[in-house]
């Protein structure tokens, strides 16, 4: 079982940031302020992604290694890294 409560909270905070960006854009607010809010949302999304991937490594990958399914998980991680880089 995965515990994504921390990640879920972070994602909800990111959603709030995105909603703020939309409102600021609709209100034609100062571009630098909008950009700052976008950066904050991106940072929160990256934090949530990091938490979720860390959880995956410590649960799913660990379990697969223990069951002898190393190659499948290594390929999965390799594919993910290619997408992220």
C-alpha atoms as a PDB file:
ATOM      1  CA  UNK A   1       0.000   0.000   0.000  1.00  0.00           C
ATOM      2  CA  UNK A   2       1.259   3.433  -0.908  1.00  0.00           C
ATOM      3  CA  UNK A   3       0.971   6.375   1.424  1.00  0.00           C
ATOM      4  CA  UNK A   4       0.537   9.383  -0.806  1.00  0.00           C
ATOM      5  CA  UNK A   5      -0.977  11.714   1.801  1.00  0.00           C
ATOM      6  CA  UNK A   6       2.002  14.079   1.802  1.00  0.00           C
ATOM      7  CA  UNK A   7       2.120  14.101  -1.997  1.00  0.00           C
ATOM      8  CA  UNK A   8      -1.619  14.671  -2.186  1.00  0.00           C
ATOM      9  CA  UNK A   9      -1.324  17.702   0.089  1.00  0.00           C
ATOM     10  CA  UNK A  10       1.505  19.049  -2.065  1.00  0.00           C
ATOM     11  CA  UNK A  11      -0.532  18.496  -5.240  1.00  0.00           C
ATOM     12  CA  UNK A  12      -3.503  20.320  -3.757  1.00  0.00           C
ATOM     13  CA  UNK A  13      -1.210  23.227  -2.888  1.00  0.00           C
ATOM     14  CA  UNK A  14       0.044  23.199  -6.491  1.00  0.00           C
ATOM     15  CA  UNK A  15      -3.547  23.271  -7.700  1.00  0.00           C
ATOM     16  CA  UNK A  16      -4.145  26.345  -5.541  1.00  0.00           C
ATOM     17  CA  UNK A  17      -1.078  27.972  -7.073  1.00  0.00           C
ATOM     18  CA  UNK A  18      -2.299  27.221 -10.610  1.00  0.00           C
ATOM     19  CA  UNK A  19      -5.724  28.623  -9.776  1.00  0.00           C
ATOM     20  CA  UNK A  20      -4.010  31.765  -8.466  1.00  0.00           C
ATOM     21  CA  UNK A  21      -1.999  32.026 -11.697  1.00  0.00           C
ATOM     22  CA  UNK A  22      -5.189  31.784 -13.739  1.00  0.00           C
ATOM     23  CA  UNK A  23      -6.873  34.480 -11.657  1.00  0.00           C
ATOM     24  CA  UNK A  24      -3.820  36.736 -11.833  1.00  0.00           C
ATOM     25  CA  UNK A  25      -3.670  36.289 -15.608  1.00  0.00           C
ATOM     26  CA  UNK A  26      -7.379  37.040 -15.980  1.00  0.00           C
ATOM     27  CA  UNK A  27      -6.848  40.174 -13.905  1.00  0.00           C
ATOM     28  CA  UNK A  28      -3.937  41.178 -16.167  1.00  0.00           C
ATOM     29  CA  UNK A  29      -1.557  41.344 -13.207  1.00  0.00           C
ATOM     30  CA  UNK A  30       2.135  42.160 -13.456  1.00  0.00           C
ATOM     31  CA  UNK A  31       3.952  39.551 -15.564  1.00  0.00           C
ATOM     32  CA  UNK A  32       6.792  39.016 -13.092  1.00  0.00           C
ATOM     33  CA  UNK A  33       4.295  38.298 -10.313  1.00  0.00           C
ATOM     34  CA  UNK A  34       2.518  35.771 -12.520  1.00  0.00           C
ATOM     35  CA  UNK A  35       5.832  34.165 -13.426  1.00  0.00           C
ATOM     36  CA  UNK A  36       6.754  33.908  -9.745  1.00  0.00           C
ATOM     37  CA  UNK A  37       3.502  32.065  -9.032  1.00  0.00           C
ATOM     38  CA  UNK A  38       4.108  29.724 -11.976  1.00  0.00           C
ATOM     39  CA  UNK A  39       7.560  28.932 -10.565  1.00  0.00           C
ATOM     40  CA  UNK A  40       5.998  28.164  -7.190  1.00  0.00           C
ATOM     41  CA  UNK A  41       3.511  25.776  -8.808  1.00  0.00           C
ATOM     42  CA  UNK A  42       6.281  24.037 -10.754  1.00  0.00           C
ATOM     43  CA  UNK A  43       8.324  23.631  -7.563  1.00  0.00           C
ATOM     44  CA  UNK A  44       5.374  22.031  -5.803  1.00  0.00           C
ATOM     45  CA  UNK A  45       4.758  19.650  -8.700  1.00  0.00           C
ATOM     46  CA  UNK A  46       8.429  18.651  -8.703  1.00  0.00           C
ATOM     47  CA  UNK A  47       8.273  18.061  -4.953  1.00  0.00           C
ATOM     48  CA  UNK A  48       5.201  15.833  -5.330  1.00  0.00           C
ATOM     49  CA  UNK A  49       6.839  13.915  -8.182  1.00  0.00           C
ATOM     50  CA  UNK A  50       9.958  13.371  -6.089  1.00  0.00           C
ATOM     51  CA  UNK A  51       7.902  12.113  -3.138  1.00  0.00           C
ATOM     52  CA  UNK A  52       5.883   9.740  -5.312  1.00  0.00           C
ATOM     53  CA  UNK A  53       8.962   8.348  -7.073  1.00  0.00           C
ATOM     54  CA  UNK A  54      10.777   7.911  -3.764  1.00  0.00           C
ATOM     55  CA  UNK A  55       7.771   6.037  -2.423  1.00  0.00           C
ATOM     56  CA  UNK A  56       7.778   3.880  -5.561  1.00  0.00           C
ATOM     57  CA  UNK A  57      11.441   2.990  -5.118  1.00  0.00           C
ATOM     58  CA  UNK A  58      10.999   2.130  -1.453  1.00  0.00           C
ATOM     59  CA  UNK A  59       7.903   0.013  -2.053  1.00  0.00           C
ATOM     60  CA  UNK A  60       7.316  -1.292  -5.586  1.00  0.00           C
ATOM     61  CA  UNK A  61      10.941  -1.484  -6.704  1.00  0.00           C
ATOM     62  CA  UNK A  62      12.078  -2.992  -3.411  1.00  0.00           C
ATOM     63  CA  UNK A  63       9.289  -5.583  -3.588  1.00  0.00           C
ATOM     64  CA  UNK A  64      10.155  -6.481  -7.195  1.00  0.00           C
ATOM     65  CA  UNK A  65      13.816  -6.928  -6.313  1.00  0.00           C
ATOM     66  CA  UNK A  66      12.868  -9.164  -3.401  1.00  0.00           C
ATOM     67  CA  UNK A  67      10.737 -11.247  -5.799  1.00  0.00           C
ATOM     68  CA  UNK A  68      13.535 -11.480  -8.361  1.00  0.00           C
ATOM     69  CA  UNK A  69      11.945  -9.168 -10.965  1.00  0.00           C
ATOM     70  CA  UNK A  70      14.966  -6.882 -11.166  1.00  0.00           C
ATOM     71  CA  UNK A  71      15.192  -6.483 -14.956  1.00  0.00           C
ATOM     72  CA  UNK A  72      11.610  -5.249 -15.361  1.00  0.00           C
ATOM     73  CA  UNK A  73      12.042  -2.571 -12.699  1.00  0.00           C
ATOM     74  CA  UNK A  74      15.429  -1.511 -14.031  1.00  0.00           C
ATOM     75  CA  UNK A  75      13.888  -1.023 -17.474  1.00  0.00           C
ATOM     76  CA  UNK A  76      10.994   0.900 -15.932  1.00  0.00           C
ATOM     77  CA  UNK A  77      13.396   3.207 -14.099  1.00  0.00           C
ATOM     78  CA  UNK A  78      15.538   3.616 -17.216  1.00  0.00           C
ATOM     79  CA  UNK A  79      12.476   4.600 -19.267  1.00  0.00           C
ATOM     80  CA  UNK A  80      11.418   7.080 -16.593  1.00  0.00           C
ATOM     81  CA  UNK A  81      14.857   8.656 -16.450  1.00  0.00           C
ATOM     82  CA  UNK A  82      14.856   9.125 -20.215  1.00  0.00           C
ATOM     83  CA  UNK A  83      11.554  10.996 -19.943  1.00  0.00           C
ATOM     84  CA  UNK A  84      12.769  13.180 -17.082  1.00  0.00           C
ATOM     85  CA  UNK A  85      16.135  14.130 -18.575  1.00  0.00           C
END
